[in-house]
PDB file of N, CA and C in Angstrom:
ATOM      1  N   MET A   1       0.846  -1.179   0.000  1.00  0.00           N
ATOM      2  CA  MET A   1       0.000   0.000   0.000  1.00  0.00           C
ATOM      3  C   MET A   1       0.889   1.239   0.000  1.00  0.00           C
ATOM      4  N   LYS A   2       0.539   2.216  -0.799  1.00  0.00           N
ATOM      5  CA  LYS A   2       1.253   3.490  -0.867  1.00  0.00           C
ATOM      6  C   LYS A   2       0.357   4.584  -0.293  1.00  0.00           C
ATOM      7  N   MET A   3       0.904   5.342   0.650  1.00  0.00           N
ATOM      8  CA  MET A   3       0.171   6.420   1.304  1.00  0.00           C
ATOM      9  C   MET A   3       0.905   7.733   1.088  1.00  0.00           C
ATOM     10  N   ALA A   4       0.197   8.744   0.633  1.00  0.00           N
ATOM     11  CA  ALA A   4       0.768  10.074   0.475  1.00  0.00           C
ATOM     12  C   ALA A   4       0.071  11.028   1.439  1.00  0.00           C
ATOM     13  N   PHE A   5       0.835  11.958   1.949  1.00  0.00           N
ATOM     14  CA  PHE A   5       0.332  12.972   2.870  1.00  0.00           C
ATOM     15  C   PHE A   5       0.680  14.345   2.325  1.00  0.00           C
ATOM     16  N   ARG A   6      -0.316  15.193   2.183  1.00  0.00           N
ATOM     17  CA  ARG A   6      -0.095  16.600   1.804  1.00  0.00           C
ATOM     18  C   ARG A   6      -0.391  17.428   3.039  1.00  0.00           C
ATOM     19  N   VAL A   7       0.657  17.961   3.636  1.00  0.00           N
ATOM     20  CA  VAL A   7       0.502  18.663   4.914  1.00  0.00           C
ATOM     21  C   VAL A   7       1.544  19.758   5.024  1.00  0.00           C
ATOM     22  N   ASP A   8       1.193  20.817   5.722  1.00  0.00           N
ATOM     23  CA  ASP A   8       2.133  21.863   6.081  1.00  0.00           C
ATOM     24  C   ASP A   8       2.030  22.124   7.574  1.00  0.00           C
ATOM     25  N   GLY A   9       3.151  22.448   8.165  1.00  0.00           N
ATOM     26  CA  GLY A   9       3.211  22.806   9.569  1.00  0.00           C
ATOM     27  C   GLY A   9       4.579  23.376   9.859  1.00  0.00           C
ATOM     28  N   ASP A  10       4.600  24.479  10.589  1.00  0.00           N
ATOM     29  CA  ASP A  10       5.873  25.088  10.953  1.00  0.00           C
ATOM     30  C   ASP A  10       5.651  25.969  12.180  1.00  0.00           C
ATOM     31  N   ALA A  11       6.682  26.708  12.573  1.00  0.00           N
ATOM     32  CA  ALA A  11       6.594  27.534  13.772  1.00  0.00           C
ATOM     33  C   ALA A  11       5.526  28.615  13.647  1.00  0.00           C
ATOM     34  N   ASP A  12       5.271  29.078  12.435  1.00  0.00           N
ATOM     35  CA  ASP A  12       4.283  30.149  12.248  1.00  0.00           C
ATOM     36  C   ASP A  12       2.846  29.638  12.274  1.00  0.00           C
ATOM     37  N   ILE A  13       2.575  28.531  11.618  1.00  0.00           N
ATOM     38  CA  ILE A  13       1.188  28.044  11.526  1.00  0.00           C
ATOM     39  C   ILE A  13       0.900  26.924  12.511  1.00  0.00           C
ATOM     40  N   GLY A  14       1.908  26.444  13.201  1.00  0.00           N
ATOM     41  CA  GLY A  14       1.728  25.373  14.170  1.00  0.00           C
ATOM     42  C   GLY A  14       2.087  24.023  13.586  1.00  0.00           C
ATOM     43  N   LEU A  15       2.306  23.065  14.467  1.00  0.00           N
ATOM     44  CA  LEU A  15       2.760  21.744  14.043  1.00  0.00           C
ATOM     45  C   LEU A  15       1.715  20.646  14.223  1.00  0.00           C
ATOM     46  N   GLY A  16       0.515  21.007  14.625  1.00  0.00           N
ATOM     47  CA  GLY A  16      -0.526  20.010  14.865  1.00  0.00           C
ATOM     48  C   GLY A  16      -0.861  19.171  13.652  1.00  0.00           C
ATOM     49  N   HIS A  17      -0.971  19.809  12.493  1.00  0.00           N
ATOM     50  CA  HIS A  17      -1.288  19.073  11.260  1.00  0.00           C
ATOM     51  C   HIS A  17      -0.202  18.047  10.961  1.00  0.00           C
ATOM     52  N   LEU A  18       1.041  18.488  11.049  1.00  0.00           N
ATOM     53  CA  LEU A  18       2.158  17.596  10.767  1.00  0.00           C
ATOM     54  C   LEU A  18       2.234  16.454  11.780  1.00  0.00           C
ATOM     55  N   MET A  19       2.046  16.752  13.042  1.00  0.00           N
ATOM     56  CA  MET A  19       2.141  15.717  14.073  1.00  0.00           C
ATOM     57  C   MET A  19       1.054  14.652  13.900  1.00  0.00           C
ATOM     58  N   ARG A  20      -0.161  15.064  13.562  1.00  0.00           N
ATOM     59  CA  ARG A  20      -1.235  14.090  13.307  1.00  0.00           C
ATOM     60  C   ARG A  20      -0.868  13.181  12.144  1.00  0.00           C
ATOM     61  N   CYS A  21      -0.355  13.777  11.079  1.00  0.00           N
ATOM     62  CA  CYS A  21       0.005  12.987   9.898  1.00  0.00           C
ATOM     63  C   CYS A  21       1.175  12.052  10.189  1.00  0.00           C
ATOM     64  N   LEU A  22       2.155  12.516  10.937  1.00  0.00           N
ATOM     65  CA  LEU A  22       3.276  11.663  11.314  1.00  0.00           C
ATOM     66  C   LEU A  22       2.808  10.459  12.113  1.00  0.00           C
ATOM     67  N   THR A  23       1.926  10.690  13.059  1.00  0.00           N
ATOM     68  CA  THR A  23       1.404   9.593  13.884  1.00  0.00           C
ATOM     69  C   THR A  23       0.688   8.560  13.021  1.00  0.00           C
ATOM     70  N   LEU A  24      -0.166   9.022  12.132  1.00  0.00           N
ATOM     71  CA  LEU A  24      -0.895   8.120  11.244  1.00  0.00           C
ATOM     72  C   LEU A  24       0.057   7.394  10.301  1.00  0.00           C
ATOM     73  N   ALA A  25       1.002   8.117   9.715  1.00  0.00           N
ATOM     74  CA  ALA A  25       1.944   7.516   8.768  1.00  0.00           C
ATOM     75  C   ALA A  25       2.788   6.428   9.428  1.00  0.00           C
ATOM     76  N   ARG A  26       3.293   6.699  10.606  1.00  0.00           N
ATOM     77  CA  ARG A  26       4.104   5.704  11.311  1.00  0.00           C
ATOM     78  C   ARG A  26       3.292   4.456  11.632  1.00  0.00           C
ATOM     79  N   ALA A  27       2.059   4.646  12.050  1.00  0.00           N
ATOM     80  CA  ALA A  27       1.204   3.498  12.362  1.00  0.00           C
ATOM     81  C   ALA A  27       0.910   2.687  11.104  1.00  0.00           C
ATOM     82  N   LEU A  28       0.661   3.355  10.000  1.00  0.00           N
ATOM     83  CA  LEU A  28       0.397   2.650   8.739  1.00  0.00           C
ATOM     84  C   LEU A  28       1.630   1.896   8.247  1.00  0.00           C
ATOM     85  N   GLN A  29       2.787   2.495   8.415  1.00  0.00           N
ATOM     86  CA  GLN A  29       4.007   1.806   8.006  1.00  0.00           C
ATOM     87  C   GLN A  29       4.268   0.593   8.903  1.00  0.00           C
ATOM     88  N   LYS A  30       4.141   0.781  10.192  1.00  0.00           N
ATOM     89  CA  LYS A  30       4.411  -0.302  11.149  1.00  0.00           C
ATOM     90  C   LYS A  30       3.404  -1.434  11.033  1.00  0.00           C
ATOM     91  N   ASN A  31       2.139  -1.111  10.974  1.00  0.00           N
ATOM     92  CA  ASN A  31       1.089  -2.127  11.033  1.00  0.00           C
ATOM     93  C   ASN A  31       0.664  -2.682   9.680  1.00  0.00           C
ATOM     94  N   CYS A  32       0.879  -1.921   8.610  1.00  0.00           N
ATOM     95  CA  CYS A  32       0.417  -2.343   7.288  1.00  0.00           C
ATOM     96  C   CYS A  32       1.540  -2.445   6.263  1.00  0.00           C
ATOM     97  N   GLY A  33       2.737  -2.027   6.651  1.00  0.00           N
ATOM     98  CA  GLY A  33       3.849  -2.034   5.709  1.00  0.00           C
ATOM     99  C   GLY A  33       3.724  -0.993   4.615  1.00  0.00           C
ATOM    100  N   ALA A  34       2.982   0.055   4.882  1.00  0.00           N
ATOM    101  CA  ALA A  34       2.733   1.083   3.872  1.00  0.00           C
ATOM    102  C   ALA A  34       4.005   1.832   3.504  1.00  0.00           C
ATOM    103  N   LYS A  35       4.118   2.170   2.225  1.00  0.00           N
ATOM    104  CA  LYS A  35       5.172   3.067   1.738  1.00  0.00           C
ATOM    105  C   LYS A  35       4.616   4.476   1.906  1.00  0.00           C
ATOM    106  N   ILE A  36       5.415   5.357   2.505  1.00  0.00           N
ATOM    107  CA  ILE A  36       4.948   6.689   2.876  1.00  0.00           C
ATOM    108  C   ILE A  36       5.667   7.762   2.081  1.00  0.00           C
ATOM    109  N   LEU A  37       4.915   8.775   1.641  1.00  0.00           N
ATOM    110  CA  LEU A  37       5.472   9.966   1.003  1.00  0.00           C
ATOM    111  C   LEU A  37       4.781  11.190   1.584  1.00  0.00           C
ATOM    112  N   PHE A  38       5.573  12.182   1.951  1.00  0.00           N
ATOM    113  CA  PHE A  38       5.028  13.472   2.380  1.00  0.00           C
ATOM    114  C   PHE A  38       5.294  14.501   1.294  1.00  0.00           C
ATOM    115  N   VAL A  39       4.289  15.308   0.978  1.00  0.00           N
ATOM    116  CA  VAL A  39       4.421  16.456   0.086  1.00  0.00           C
ATOM    117  C   VAL A  39       4.187  17.677   0.962  1.00  0.00           C
ATOM    118  N   CYS A  40       5.197  18.565   1.021  1.00  0.00           N
ATOM    119  CA  CYS A  40       5.121  19.686   1.953  1.00  0.00           C
ATOM    120  C   CYS A  40       6.017  20.831   1.493  1.00  0.00           C
ATOM    121  N   THR A  41       5.942  21.953   2.189  1.00  0.00           N
ATOM    122  CA  THR A  41       6.809  23.089   1.911  1.00  0.00           C
ATOM    123  C   THR A  41       8.181  22.850   2.544  1.00  0.00           C
ATOM    124  N   PRO A  42       9.191  23.591   2.112  1.00  0.00           N
ATOM    125  CA  PRO A  42      10.526  23.416   2.690  1.00  0.00           C
ATOM    126  C   PRO A  42      10.566  23.613   4.213  1.00  0.00           C
ATOM    127  N   ALA A  43       9.822  24.575   4.731  1.00  0.00           N
ATOM    128  CA  ALA A  43       9.811  24.803   6.178  1.00  0.00           C
ATOM    129  C   ALA A  43       9.238  23.594   6.913  1.00  0.00           C
ATOM    130  N   THR A  44       8.204  22.999   6.368  1.00  0.00           N
ATOM    131  CA  THR A  44       7.617  21.805   6.977  1.00  0.00           C
ATOM    132  C   THR A  44       8.592  20.644   6.913  1.00  0.00           C
ATOM    133  N   ARG A  45       9.292  20.538   5.814  1.00  0.00           N
ATOM    134  CA  ARG A  45      10.244  19.432   5.640  1.00  0.00           C
ATOM    135  C   ARG A  45      11.334  19.447   6.716  1.00  0.00           C
ATOM    136  N   VAL A  46      11.739  20.623   7.164  1.00  0.00           N
ATOM    137  CA  VAL A  46      12.741  20.716   8.233  1.00  0.00           C
ATOM    138  C   VAL A  46      12.243  19.975   9.474  1.00  0.00           C
ATOM    139  N   TYR A  47      11.015  20.225   9.874  1.00  0.00           N
ATOM    140  CA  TYR A  47      10.444  19.562  11.049  1.00  0.00           C
ATOM    141  C   TYR A  47      10.205  18.078  10.784  1.00  0.00           C
ATOM    142  N   LEU A  48       9.739  17.766   9.582  1.00  0.00           N
ATOM    143  CA  LEU A  48       9.492  16.377   9.208  1.00  0.00           C
ATOM    144  C   LEU A  48      10.765  15.553   9.322  1.00  0.00           C
ATOM    145  N   LYS A  49      11.864  16.054   8.776  1.00  0.00           N
ATOM    146  CA  LYS A  49      13.125  15.310   8.781  1.00  0.00           C
ATOM    147  C   LYS A  49      13.731  15.204  10.176  1.00  0.00           C
ATOM    148  N   ARG A  50      13.437  16.148  11.048  1.00  0.00           N
ATOM    149  CA  ARG A  50      13.880  16.024  12.444  1.00  0.00           C
ATOM    150  C   ARG A  50      13.123  14.905  13.144  1.00  0.00           C
ATOM    151  N   ALA A  51      11.853  14.794  12.848  1.00  0.00           N
ATOM    152  CA  ALA A  51      11.014  13.788  13.494  1.00  0.00           C
ATOM    153  C   ALA A  51      11.180  12.404  12.872  1.00  0.00           C
ATOM    154  N   TRP A  52      11.418  12.341  11.563  1.00  0.00           N
ATOM    155  CA  TRP A  52      11.493  11.060  10.857  1.00  0.00           C
ATOM    156  C   TRP A  52      12.467  11.204   9.692  1.00  0.00           C
ATOM    157  N   PRO A  53      13.762  11.111   9.966  1.00  0.00           N
ATOM    158  CA  PRO A  53      14.779  11.374   8.939  1.00  0.00           C
ATOM    159  C   PRO A  53      14.675  10.502   7.691  1.00  0.00           C
ATOM    160  N   ALA A  54      14.225   9.270   7.826  1.00  0.00           N
ATOM    161  CA  ALA A  54      14.234   8.342   6.690  1.00  0.00           C
ATOM    162  C   ALA A  54      13.005   8.430   5.787  1.00  0.00           C
ATOM    163  N   VAL A  55      11.992   9.180   6.175  1.00  0.00           N
ATOM    164  CA  VAL A  55      10.765   9.211   5.381  1.00  0.00           C
ATOM    165  C   VAL A  55      10.997   9.950   4.064  1.00  0.00           C
ATOM    166  N   GLU A  56      10.355   9.446   3.009  1.00  0.00           N
ATOM    167  CA  GLU A  56      10.454  10.093   1.700  1.00  0.00           C
ATOM    168  C   GLU A  56       9.602  11.360   1.703  1.00  0.00           C
ATOM    169  N   SER A  57      10.168  12.429   1.151  1.00  0.00           N
ATOM    170  CA  SER A  57       9.407  13.679   1.088  1.00  0.00           C
ATOM    171  C   SER A  57       9.739  14.424  -0.196  1.00  0.00           C
ATOM    172  N   TYR A  58       8.807  15.227  -0.600  1.00  0.00           N
ATOM    173  CA  TYR A  58       8.927  16.045  -1.803  1.00  0.00           C
ATOM    174  C   TYR A  58       8.456  17.441  -1.435  1.00  0.00           C
ATOM    175  N   THR A  59       9.225  18.449  -1.770  1.00  0.00           N
ATOM    176  CA  THR A  59       8.838  19.802  -1.403  1.00  0.00           C
ATOM    177  C   THR A  59       8.267  20.569  -2.588  1.00  0.00           C
ATOM    178  N   ILE A  60       7.314  21.416  -2.241  1.00  0.00           N
ATOM    179  CA  ILE A  60       6.772  22.374  -3.188  1.00  0.00           C
ATOM    180  C   ILE A  60       6.975  23.752  -2.574  1.00  0.00           C
ATOM    181  N   PRO A  61       7.124  24.782  -3.378  1.00  0.00           N
ATOM    182  CA  PRO A  61       7.409  26.112  -2.835  1.00  0.00           C
ATOM    183  C   PRO A  61       6.302  26.636  -1.922  1.00  0.00           C
ATOM    184  N   HIS A  62       6.710  27.406  -0.937  1.00  0.00           N
ATOM    185  CA  HIS A  62       5.773  28.081  -0.042  1.00  0.00           C
ATOM    186  C   HIS A  62       5.157  29.277  -0.772  1.00  0.00           C
ATOM    187  N   GLY A  63       3.922  29.588  -0.467  1.00  0.00           N
ATOM    188  CA  GLY A  63       3.290  30.788  -0.992  1.00  0.00           C
ATOM    189  C   GLY A  63       2.623  30.646  -2.343  1.00  0.00           C
ATOM    190  N   LEU A  64       2.434  29.425  -2.800  1.00  0.00           N
ATOM    191  CA  LEU A  64       1.737  29.214  -4.066  1.00  0.00           C
ATOM    192  C   LEU A  64       0.249  29.454  -3.890  1.00  0.00           C
ATOM    193  N   SER A  65      -0.421  29.756  -4.979  1.00  0.00           N
ATOM    194  CA  SER A  65      -1.883  29.809  -4.935  1.00  0.00           C
ATOM    195  C   SER A  65      -2.393  28.382  -4.705  1.00  0.00           C
ATOM    196  N   GLU A  66      -3.642  28.256  -4.314  1.00  0.00           N
ATOM    197  CA  GLU A  66      -4.206  26.913  -4.111  1.00  0.00           C
ATOM    198  C   GLU A  66      -4.092  26.077  -5.382  1.00  0.00           C
ATOM    199  N   ARG A  67      -4.365  26.699  -6.512  1.00  0.00           N
ATOM    200  CA  ARG A  67      -4.289  25.980  -7.791  1.00  0.00           C
ATOM    201  C   ARG A  67      -2.862  25.526  -8.089  1.00  0.00           C
ATOM    202  N   GLN A  68      -1.902  26.415  -7.925  1.00  0.00           N
ATOM    203  CA  GLN A  68      -0.506  26.050  -8.173  1.00  0.00           C
ATOM    204  C   GLN A  68      -0.045  24.952  -7.217  1.00  0.00           C
ATOM    205  N   ASP A  69      -0.438  25.073  -5.962  1.00  0.00           N
ATOM    206  CA  ASP A  69      -0.108  24.056  -4.961  1.00  0.00           C
ATOM    207  C   ASP A  69      -0.668  22.707  -5.397  1.00  0.00           C
ATOM    208  N   ALA A  70      -1.921  22.701  -5.796  1.00  0.00           N
ATOM    209  CA  ALA A  70      -2.570  21.454  -6.209  1.00  0.00           C
ATOM    210  C   ALA A  70      -1.888  20.858  -7.438  1.00  0.00           C
ATOM    211  N   LEU A  71      -1.528  21.696  -8.401  1.00  0.00           N
ATOM    212  CA  LEU A  71      -0.878  21.197  -9.617  1.00  0.00           C
ATOM    213  C   LEU A  71       0.500  20.610  -9.324  1.00  0.00           C
ATOM    214  N   GLN A  72       1.270  21.273  -8.486  1.00  0.00           N
ATOM    215  CA  GLN A  72       2.591  20.744  -8.156  1.00  0.00           C
ATOM    216  C   GLN A  72       2.489  19.478  -7.311  1.00  0.00           C
ATOM    217  N   SER A  73       1.551  19.460  -6.378  1.00  0.00           N
ATOM    218  CA  SER A  73       1.333  18.251  -5.579  1.00  0.00           C
ATOM    219  C   SER A  73       0.900  17.099  -6.476  1.00  0.00           C
ATOM    220  N   ARG A  74      -0.017  17.385  -7.380  1.00  0.00           N
ATOM    221  CA  ARG A  74      -0.524  16.362  -8.306  1.00  0.00           C
ATOM    222  C   ARG A  74       0.590  15.780  -9.166  1.00  0.00           C
ATOM    223  N   ALA A  75       1.485  16.625  -9.626  1.00  0.00           N
ATOM    224  CA  ALA A  75       2.586  16.152 -10.471  1.00  0.00           C
ATOM    225  C   ALA A  75       3.422  15.109  -9.735  1.00  0.00           C
ATOM    226  N   ARG A  76       3.699  15.352  -8.484  1.00  0.00           N
ATOM    227  CA  ARG A  76       4.479  14.387  -7.703  1.00  0.00           C
ATOM    228  C   ARG A  76       3.658  13.128  -7.405  1.00  0.00           C
ATOM    229  N   LEU A  77       2.402  13.317  -7.088  1.00  0.00           N
ATOM    230  CA  LEU A  77       1.550  12.180  -6.755  1.00  0.00           C
ATOM    231  C   LEU A  77       1.330  11.263  -7.955  1.00  0.00           C
ATOM    232  N   LEU A  78       1.301  11.832  -9.156  1.00  0.00           N
ATOM    233  CA  LEU A  78       1.156  11.003 -10.355  1.00  0.00           C
ATOM    234  C   LEU A  78       2.351  10.076 -10.542  1.00  0.00           C
ATOM    235  N   LYS A  79       3.527  10.514 -10.099  1.00  0.00           N
ATOM    236  CA  LYS A  79       4.716   9.668 -10.181  1.00  0.00           C
ATOM    237  C   LYS A  79       4.658   8.535  -9.162  1.00  0.00           C
ATOM    238  N   MET A  80       4.176   8.828  -7.972  1.00  0.00           N
ATOM    239  CA  MET A  80       4.107   7.819  -6.924  1.00  0.00           C
ATOM    240  C   MET A  80       2.898   6.890  -7.089  1.00  0.00           C
ATOM    241  N   ARG A  81       1.806   7.446  -7.558  1.00  0.00           N
ATOM    242  CA  ARG A  81       0.542   6.716  -7.713  1.00  0.00           C
ATOM    243  C   ARG A  81       0.106   6.066  -6.399  1.00  0.00           C
ATOM    244  N   PRO A  82      -0.155   6.892  -5.368  1.00  0.00           N
ATOM    245  CA  PRO A  82      -0.545   6.331  -4.073  1.00  0.00           C
ATOM    246  C   PRO A  82      -1.937   5.712  -4.119  1.00  0.00           C
ATOM    247  N   ASP A  83      -2.150   4.768  -3.216  1.00  0.00           N
ATOM    248  CA  ASP A  83      -3.480   4.192  -3.048  1.00  0.00           C
ATOM    249  C   ASP A  83      -4.399   5.143  -2.295  1.00  0.00           C
ATOM    250  N   TRP A  84      -3.805   5.915  -1.403  1.00  0.00           N
ATOM    251  CA  TRP A  84      -4.566   6.847  -0.582  1.00  0.00           C
ATOM    252  C   TRP A  84      -3.798   8.162  -0.455  1.00  0.00           C
ATOM    253  N   LEU A  85      -4.542   9.252  -0.338  1.00  0.00           N
ATOM    254  CA  LEU A  85      -3.974  10.570  -0.097  1.00  0.00           C
ATOM    255  C   LEU A  85      -4.651  11.151   1.138  1.00  0.00           C
ATOM    256  N   VAL A  86      -3.834  11.574   2.102  1.00  0.00           N
ATOM    257  CA  VAL A  86      -4.325  12.248   3.300  1.00  0.00           C
ATOM    258  C   VAL A  86      -3.954  13.711   3.172  1.00  0.00           C
ATOM    259  N   VAL A  87      -4.945  14.583   3.308  1.00  0.00           N
ATOM    260  CA  VAL A  87      -4.694  16.027   3.253  1.00  0.00           C
ATOM    261  C   VAL A  87      -5.117  16.601   4.596  1.00  0.00           C
ATOM    262  N   ASP A  88      -4.190  17.281   5.252  1.00  0.00           N
ATOM    263  CA  ASP A  88      -4.484  17.892   6.546  1.00  0.00           C
ATOM    264  C   ASP A  88      -4.090  19.360   6.445  1.00  0.00           C
ATOM    265  N   GLY A  89      -5.083  20.215   6.411  1.00  0.00           N
ATOM    266  CA  GLY A  89      -4.787  21.642   6.265  1.00  0.00           C
ATOM    267  C   GLY A  89      -5.820  22.510   6.888  1.00  0.00           C
TER     268      GLY A  89
END
């Protein structure tokens, strides 16, 4: 099973979204053997890599319009072809 997470969290907007996704992702990997990918901004990736250095992640620029964000996220997700996408925002 492939699981993708689209989430942002940093010192300015808070880390609750990221922490929820990390908890779910770790449980899915441990209990289901899921392959995990996070799609996030560079600031979020800093926190993500501190919490889980080995997790695969892909960054998209901060400050994009919703449409641009969705298009860049979609481009990466089409390469991974996840079974499920979790969006926490």
